[in-house]
Amino acid sequence: MDLAYEQIRNEVKQASIRARGESIPRRRSKSPTKPSAAWTAPSRIGSTKGTALSIVLSSIGCAHARGDEGGCTMCSYLLDGVNRNPTAEEFFLQFQTAMSQLEKLDSPLSVKIYTSGSFLDSDEIPQETRNRILRAISVDDRIKEVVLESRPEYVTDTVLADVRRILGDRVVELGIGLESSSDFVRSICINKNFNLDSFRESLLVGKKHNIGTRAYVLLKPPFMTERSALLDAQKTVTDAVSLGVTTISLNPVNVQRNTLVESLWEKGKYRPPWLWSVVEVLRHASFTGASTVNIVCDPVAAGKSRGTHNCGKCDSSFIDAIRTFSLNQDVRVFDSLKCDCWDLWKHVLEHEDASLQVHN
């Protein structure tokens, strides 16, 4: 069994490497002084509403994707980076450029810092650069919340001690891609290359420094049917709440370029999740969280063929409801959603697994 498991895992890894191809040479020429992206949007901050600034720093990218492991099956963010790591000054200029969007905004504000990999990885973002960025945030009293994205292997007692010392009593969360609480799904379907124990250890280190954990939950990794993906996401939400996360961020898979998911999608072997499924997971999360965690979802490419979608006629109403729920946490916003495509979605849930078994 272990041999078969490793063989399958290696096949997925190699398929992901092939799909990614020569990703780094495919990067567009970008200025190392400008972030890959930066945008503001209404956001739930604690129990109130405010504005969040999301910053994607342009770096050399995720070590998991740069190395020999192939990266995650659905992720092409390595392409958003630059071919050489920016200098400390260039990184800070990226940050300042993004922060200029907050000049005329009022409190409360949230700042979310992403890279093409892990903000806490000192090989990607050097420690002094990271601390300089955090110190700049610490002097702005409007900023009430800071979210720092990282893989669990970079979440250490030393790093988080620095984060807490610099940011003082602000709300701080670690954004970690748990994706699934199943080690099998995370390893075989996603090629994430860490286990649930690693996530749990990061969460506990965070708690030691009064730093919360924002668990990213993936809906419908490749090789899963709609029903199995829905059930896995619901179980992951339950498990994450039990572990003590502070926020659940539901991420329906979108088809990104140069990924294994795109390769399957182009062959007609993958469909992004239905919006009906997204709503079901959010309903479950609302019930399971019982007001102890924030639940957010901002689906990328929603309503498009590469993103979570229904039949097309009802997509916009679903997307609006999902975004409204993320702000007010009121699950009743979903009660008015209706469409004839519900019957087709239910048919898929009830018969897709059986049809695959017959086909195989």
Protein backbone atom coordinates (compact mmCIF):
# COMPACT_ATOMS: atom_id res chain seq x y z
CA MET A 1 0.00 0.00 0.00
CA ASP A 2 2.80 2.42 0.91
CA LEU A 3 4.60 1.58 -2.33
CA ALA A 4 1.45 2.17 -4.39
CA TYR A 5 0.82 5.45 -2.56
CA GLU A 6 4.33 6.71 -3.25
CA GLN A 7 4.07 5.65 -6.89
CA ILE A 8 0.83 7.58 -7.38
CA ARG A 9 2.22 10.59 -5.55
CA ASN A 10 5.32 10.59 -7.75
CA GLU A 11 3.18 10.35 -10.89
CA VAL A 12 1.14 13.38 -9.78
CA LYS A 13 4.34 15.29 -8.97
CA GLN A 14 5.81 14.53 -12.38
CA ALA A 15 2.55 15.46 -14.12
CA SER A 16 2.54 18.77 -12.25
CA ILE A 17 6.14 19.44 -13.27
CA ARG A 18 5.31 18.72 -16.93
CA ALA A 19 2.26 20.98 -16.84
CA ARG A 20 4.25 23.78 -15.26
CA GLY A 21 6.95 23.40 -17.89
CA GLU A 22 9.69 25.98 -17.88
CA SER A 23 7.63 28.36 -15.78
CA ILE A 24 10.34 30.75 -14.70
CA PRO A 25 11.47 31.60 -18.26
CA ARG A 26 7.79 32.23 -19.11
CA ARG A 27 7.53 35.03 -16.59
CA ARG A 28 6.82 38.40 -18.08
CA SER A 29 9.51 41.02 -17.61
CA LYS A 30 8.47 43.01 -14.56
CA SER A 31 9.90 45.84 -12.54
CA PRO A 32 11.28 44.53 -9.22
CA THR A 33 10.12 47.78 -7.60
CA LYS A 34 6.42 47.17 -8.30
CA PRO A 35 4.21 44.54 -6.63
CA SER A 36 2.67 41.78 -8.71
CA ALA A 37 -0.73 43.08 -7.63
CA ALA A 38 -2.37 45.29 -5.03
CA TRP A 39 -6.05 46.04 -4.55
CA THR A 40 -8.53 47.18 -1.94
CA ALA A 41 -11.94 45.67 -1.23
CA PRO A 42 -14.61 45.71 1.47
CA SER A 43 -13.68 43.18 4.13
CA ARG A 44 -14.80 41.75 7.41
CA ILE A 45 -12.27 42.75 10.07
CA GLY A 46 -12.98 40.95 13.30
CA SER A 47 -16.66 41.57 13.99
CA THR A 48 -16.81 44.81 11.98
CA LYS A 49 -16.64 45.86 8.36
CA GLY A 50 -13.73 47.78 6.90
CA THR A 51 -11.37 47.82 3.94
CA ALA A 52 -8.64 45.32 3.19
CA LEU A 53 -5.55 46.02 1.13
CA SER A 54 -4.17 42.86 -0.48
CA ILE A 55 -0.53 43.08 -1.54
CA VAL A 56 1.19 40.47 -3.69
CA LEU A 57 4.91 41.17 -3.48
CA SER A 58 6.87 40.16 -6.54
CA SER A 59 9.54 37.68 -5.47
CA ILE A 60 11.35 34.61 -6.78
CA GLY A 61 8.30 32.62 -5.75
CA CYS A 62 7.34 29.56 -3.76
CA ALA A 63 10.20 27.23 -2.85
CA HIS A 64 7.85 24.25 -3.25
CA ALA A 65 7.14 25.27 -6.85
CA ARG A 66 10.72 26.34 -7.65
CA GLY A 67 12.19 23.07 -6.50
CA ASP A 68 11.85 19.45 -7.56
CA GLU A 69 8.44 18.80 -5.97
CA GLY A 70 6.45 20.29 -8.84
CA GLY A 71 4.37 22.75 -6.85
CA CYS A 72 0.64 22.43 -6.21
CA THR A 73 -1.51 20.95 -8.96
CA MET A 74 -3.78 24.02 -9.23
CA CYS A 75 -1.29 26.85 -8.67
CA SER A 76 0.50 28.99 -11.29
CA TYR A 77 1.49 31.83 -8.97
CA LEU A 78 5.16 31.07 -9.64
CA LEU A 79 4.61 32.90 -12.95
CA ASP A 80 3.75 36.09 -11.04
CA GLY A 81 7.27 36.43 -9.69
CA VAL A 82 10.55 37.80 -11.00
CA ASN A 83 13.63 35.95 -12.21
CA ARG A 84 15.90 37.32 -9.48
CA ASN A 85 14.97 38.15 -5.94
CA PRO A 86 14.53 41.90 -5.49
CA THR A 87 16.88 43.76 -3.19
CA ALA A 88 15.72 44.91 0.24
CA GLU A 89 15.11 48.41 -1.11
CA GLU A 90 13.18 47.11 -4.13
CA PHE A 91 10.94 45.02 -1.89
CA PHE A 92 10.22 48.03 0.27
CA LEU A 93 9.39 50.15 -2.78
CA GLN A 94 6.91 47.46 -3.84
CA PHE A 95 5.32 47.66 -0.42
CA GLN A 96 5.19 51.48 -0.42
CA THR A 97 3.63 51.53 -3.88
CA ALA A 98 0.85 49.22 -2.67
CA MET A 99 0.33 51.07 0.61
CA SER A 100 -0.29 54.34 -1.25
CA GLN A 101 -3.78 52.99 -1.96
CA LEU A 102 -4.62 53.48 1.73
CA GLU A 103 -3.84 57.21 1.82
CA LYS A 104 -7.44 58.46 1.79
CA LEU A 105 -9.11 55.55 3.58
CA ASP A 106 -10.41 55.53 7.13
CA SER A 107 -10.07 52.92 9.87
CA PRO A 108 -10.57 50.03 10.30
CA LEU A 109 -8.12 48.65 7.76
CA SER A 110 -6.65 45.24 7.12
CA VAL A 111 -3.38 44.59 5.29
CA LYS A 112 -2.87 41.17 3.74
CA ILE A 113 0.61 40.39 2.51
CA TYR A 114 1.10 37.65 -0.04
CA THR A 115 3.97 36.64 -2.26
CA SER A 116 4.18 33.99 -4.92
CA GLY A 117 5.12 31.76 -2.00
CA SER A 118 5.62 32.45 1.71
CA PHE A 119 6.13 35.84 3.34
CA LEU A 120 7.80 34.11 6.29
CA ASP A 121 10.33 32.24 4.12
CA SER A 122 13.59 34.11 4.78
CA ASP A 123 15.07 32.88 1.49
CA GLU A 124 12.19 34.53 -0.35
CA ILE A 125 11.71 37.60 1.87
CA PRO A 126 14.85 38.24 3.96
CA GLN A 127 14.24 38.70 7.69
CA GLU A 128 15.30 42.36 7.83
CA THR A 129 13.15 43.18 4.81
CA ARG A 130 10.18 41.43 6.41
CA ASN A 131 10.67 43.26 9.69
CA ARG A 132 11.05 46.62 7.95
CA ILE A 133 7.70 46.09 6.21
CA LEU A 134 6.07 45.12 9.50
CA ARG A 135 7.53 48.16 11.26
CA ALA A 136 6.01 50.40 8.58
CA ILE A 137 2.62 48.81 9.22
CA SER A 138 3.00 49.19 12.99
CA VAL A 139 3.06 53.00 12.87
CA ASP A 140 -0.30 53.25 11.09
CA ASP A 141 -3.00 53.21 13.76
CA ARG A 142 -5.73 52.72 11.16
CA ILE A 143 -4.51 49.18 10.49
CA LYS A 144 -6.30 46.86 12.90
CA GLU A 145 -5.54 43.52 11.25
CA VAL A 146 -2.57 42.00 9.44
CA VAL A 147 -2.66 38.72 7.50
CA LEU A 148 0.65 37.09 6.54
CA GLU A 149 0.62 34.16 4.13
CA SER A 150 3.04 31.28 4.59
CA ARG A 151 3.52 27.55 4.30
CA PRO A 152 3.77 25.89 7.73
CA GLU A 153 7.47 25.01 7.57
CA TYR A 154 8.37 28.69 7.92
CA VAL A 155 6.19 29.30 10.97
CA THR A 156 8.72 29.23 13.81
CA ASP A 157 8.80 30.52 17.35
CA THR A 158 11.58 32.99 16.49
CA VAL A 159 9.83 34.44 13.45
CA LEU A 160 6.48 34.83 15.21
CA ALA A 161 8.14 36.42 18.24
CA ASP A 162 9.47 39.11 15.88
CA VAL A 163 6.05 39.54 14.25
CA ARG A 164 4.26 39.98 17.57
CA ARG A 165 6.93 42.29 18.99
CA ILE A 166 6.76 44.60 15.99
CA LEU A 167 2.99 44.63 15.45
CA GLY A 168 2.08 45.01 19.11
CA ASP A 169 -1.50 44.23 20.04
CA ARG A 170 -2.94 44.21 16.50
CA VAL A 171 -4.94 41.24 15.31
CA VAL A 172 -2.54 39.05 13.32
CA GLU A 173 -3.39 35.94 11.32
CA LEU A 174 -1.28 33.44 9.46
CA GLY A 175 -2.82 32.54 6.12
CA ILE A 176 -1.98 28.87 5.56
CA GLY A 177 -3.18 26.66 2.71
CA LEU A 178 -4.52 23.71 4.65
CA GLU A 179 -6.66 22.94 1.56
CA SER A 180 -7.90 19.61 2.94
CA SER A 181 -7.71 17.97 6.35
CA SER A 182 -7.12 14.66 4.54
CA ASP A 183 -3.43 13.91 4.14
CA PHE A 184 -4.31 11.71 1.16
CA VAL A 185 -6.22 14.45 -0.67
CA ARG A 186 -3.61 17.09 0.16
CA SER A 187 -0.77 14.86 -1.01
CA ILE A 188 -2.21 13.03 -4.00
CA CYS A 189 -4.73 15.52 -5.39
CA ILE A 190 -2.91 18.74 -4.54
CA ASN A 191 0.76 17.77 -4.16
CA LYS A 192 0.99 20.13 -1.20
CA ASN A 193 3.93 18.35 0.41
CA PHE A 194 3.05 18.80 4.10
CA ASN A 195 0.80 16.88 6.46
CA LEU A 196 -1.92 17.80 8.92
CA ASP A 197 0.50 17.58 11.85
CA SER A 198 2.60 20.36 10.29
CA PHE A 199 -0.46 22.57 10.02
CA ARG A 200 -1.44 21.79 13.62
CA GLU A 201 2.05 22.64 14.87
CA SER A 202 1.99 25.99 13.06
CA LEU A 203 -1.39 26.79 14.56
CA LEU A 204 -0.07 26.03 18.07
CA VAL A 205 3.04 28.17 17.56
CA GLY A 206 0.74 30.97 16.46
CA LYS A 207 -1.46 30.61 19.53
CA LYS A 208 1.62 30.88 21.73
CA HIS A 209 2.11 34.41 20.36
CA ASN A 210 -1.58 35.28 20.21
CA ILE A 211 -1.53 34.98 16.43
CA GLY A 212 -4.52 33.38 14.74
CA THR A 213 -4.65 31.07 11.74
CA ARG A 214 -6.64 31.71 8.58
CA ALA A 215 -7.12 28.29 7.02
CA TYR A 216 -7.52 28.22 3.26
CA VAL A 217 -9.90 25.40 2.34
CA LEU A 218 -9.81 24.24 -1.27
CA LEU A 219 -13.04 23.18 -2.96
CA LYS A 220 -12.64 20.54 -5.66
CA PRO A 221 -9.01 19.63 -6.20
CA PRO A 222 -8.40 17.52 -9.32
CA PHE A 223 -9.28 13.80 -9.35
CA MET A 224 -12.35 14.36 -7.16
CA THR A 225 -16.01 14.26 -8.13
CA GLU A 226 -18.33 17.10 -7.18
CA ARG A 227 -19.82 15.12 -4.32
CA SER A 228 -16.49 13.88 -2.92
CA ALA A 229 -15.05 17.39 -3.14
CA LEU A 230 -18.07 18.90 -1.39
CA LEU A 231 -17.90 16.37 1.43
CA ASP A 232 -14.14 16.80 1.79
CA ALA A 233 -14.44 20.59 2.04
CA GLN A 234 -17.18 20.30 4.65
CA LYS A 235 -15.12 17.84 6.71
CA THR A 236 -12.07 20.09 6.38
CA VAL A 237 -14.07 23.04 7.71
CA THR A 238 -15.23 20.95 10.68
CA ASP A 239 -11.70 19.75 11.41
CA ALA A 240 -10.21 23.24 11.05
CA VAL A 241 -12.74 24.72 13.48
CA SER A 242 -11.97 21.92 15.95
CA LEU A 243 -8.26 22.69 15.68
CA GLY A 244 -8.94 26.30 16.63
CA VAL A 245 -8.48 28.37 13.48
CA THR A 246 -9.72 31.95 13.63
CA THR A 247 -10.87 32.30 10.01
CA ILE A 248 -12.00 29.91 7.29
CA SER A 249 -11.28 31.12 3.76
CA LEU A 250 -13.04 28.93 1.20
CA ASN A 251 -11.23 28.85 -2.15
CA PRO A 252 -13.04 27.16 -5.04
CA VAL A 253 -10.48 25.97 -7.57
CA ASN A 254 -10.02 28.15 -10.65
CA VAL A 255 -8.18 26.88 -13.72
CA GLN A 256 -4.81 28.63 -13.80
CA ARG A 257 -2.43 28.45 -16.72
CA ASN A 258 0.45 25.98 -16.87
CA THR A 259 -0.98 23.73 -14.16
CA LEU A 260 -2.01 20.11 -13.98
CA VAL A 261 -5.58 21.30 -13.42
CA GLU A 262 -5.48 23.20 -16.73
CA SER A 263 -4.14 20.14 -18.52
CA LEU A 264 -7.06 18.06 -17.21
CA TRP A 265 -9.58 20.84 -17.94
CA GLU A 266 -8.44 21.16 -21.54
CA LYS A 267 -8.99 17.42 -22.00
CA GLY A 268 -12.51 17.62 -20.56
CA LYS A 269 -11.46 15.74 -17.42
CA TYR A 270 -12.00 18.55 -14.93
CA ARG A 271 -14.81 21.02 -14.21
CA PRO A 272 -14.47 23.76 -11.58
CA PRO A 273 -16.95 23.41 -8.71
CA TRP A 274 -20.56 24.49 -8.97
CA LEU A 275 -21.59 27.65 -7.16
CA TRP A 276 -24.28 25.50 -5.56
CA SER A 277 -21.44 23.52 -3.92
CA VAL A 278 -19.74 26.71 -2.74
CA VAL A 279 -22.95 27.80 -1.03
CA GLU A 280 -23.41 24.39 0.60
CA VAL A 281 -19.90 24.52 2.09
CA LEU A 282 -20.50 28.06 3.35
CA ARG A 283 -23.80 26.99 4.95
CA HIS A 284 -21.98 24.14 6.66
CA ALA A 285 -19.17 26.44 7.77
CA SER A 286 -21.66 28.91 9.23
CA PHE A 287 -23.35 26.15 11.22
CA THR A 288 -20.07 24.52 12.29
CA GLY A 289 -18.30 27.76 13.17
CA ALA A 290 -21.18 28.82 15.42
CA SER A 291 -19.96 32.44 15.41
CA THR A 292 -16.51 31.43 16.72
CA VAL A 293 -14.71 31.94 13.38
CA ASN A 294 -15.04 34.30 10.46
CA ILE A 295 -15.95 32.65 7.17
CA VAL A 296 -14.93 34.33 3.94
CA CYS A 297 -15.02 33.48 0.26
CA ASP A 298 -13.99 35.62 -2.70
CA PRO A 299 -13.91 33.19 -5.63
CA VAL A 300 -11.49 33.96 -8.46
CA ALA A 301 -12.97 33.84 -12.00
CA ALA A 302 -16.42 33.14 -10.57
CA GLY A 303 -19.08 32.82 -13.25
CA LYS A 304 -16.51 32.04 -15.94
CA SER A 305 -15.63 28.70 -17.49
CA ARG A 306 -12.29 28.64 -15.63
CA GLY A 307 -13.89 29.42 -12.28
CA THR A 308 -16.71 28.21 -10.09
CA HIS A 309 -19.96 28.52 -12.03
CA ASN A 310 -23.51 27.25 -12.45
CA CYS A 311 -25.52 27.49 -15.65
CA GLY A 312 -24.67 31.11 -16.39
CA LYS A 313 -28.15 32.54 -15.83
CA CYS A 314 -27.93 32.54 -12.03
CA ASP A 315 -24.19 33.00 -11.53
CA SER A 316 -24.22 36.73 -10.74
CA SER A 317 -26.85 36.35 -8.01
CA PHE A 318 -24.81 33.58 -6.39
CA ILE A 319 -21.59 35.60 -6.54
CA ASP A 320 -23.29 38.62 -4.99
CA ALA A 321 -24.73 36.47 -2.20
CA ILE A 322 -21.35 34.88 -1.46
CA ARG A 323 -19.67 38.27 -1.17
CA THR A 324 -22.47 39.64 0.99
CA PHE A 325 -22.23 36.62 3.29
CA SER A 326 -18.47 37.12 3.63
CA LEU A 327 -19.12 40.62 4.94
CA ASN A 328 -22.08 40.07 7.27
CA GLN A 329 -21.85 36.31 8.07
CA ASP A 330 -25.65 36.01 7.68
CA VAL A 331 -26.35 32.66 6.05
CA ARG A 332 -29.93 33.70 5.30
CA VAL A 333 -28.63 35.60 2.26
CA PHE A 334 -28.56 32.22 0.48
CA ASP A 335 -32.22 31.41 1.13
CA SER A 336 -33.50 33.29 -1.92
CA LEU A 337 -31.14 31.62 -4.40
CA LYS A 338 -33.10 29.62 -6.96
CA CYS A 339 -32.48 28.30 -10.46
CA ASP A 340 -33.52 25.41 -12.66
CA CYS A 341 -29.90 24.23 -12.76
CA TRP A 342 -30.32 23.00 -9.18
CA ASP A 343 -31.75 19.76 -10.63
CA LEU A 344 -28.68 19.20 -12.79
CA TRP A 345 -26.34 19.91 -9.87
CA LYS A 346 -28.22 17.40 -7.70
CA HIS A 347 -28.07 14.84 -10.52
CA VAL A 348 -24.29 15.31 -10.71
CA LEU A 349 -23.97 14.81 -6.95
CA GLU A 350 -26.07 11.66 -7.00
CA HIS A 351 -24.78 9.96 -10.15
CA GLU A 352 -21.27 11.18 -11.03
CA ASP A 353 -19.51 8.77 -8.67
CA ALA A 354 -21.53 5.81 -9.90
CA SER A 355 -21.00 6.64 -13.58
CA LEU A 356 -17.24 6.82 -13.06
CA GLN A 357 -17.23 3.41 -11.39
CA VAL A 358 -19.16 1.92 -14.32
CA HIS A 359 -16.85 3.61 -16.82
CA ASN A 360 -13.77 2.27 -15.06
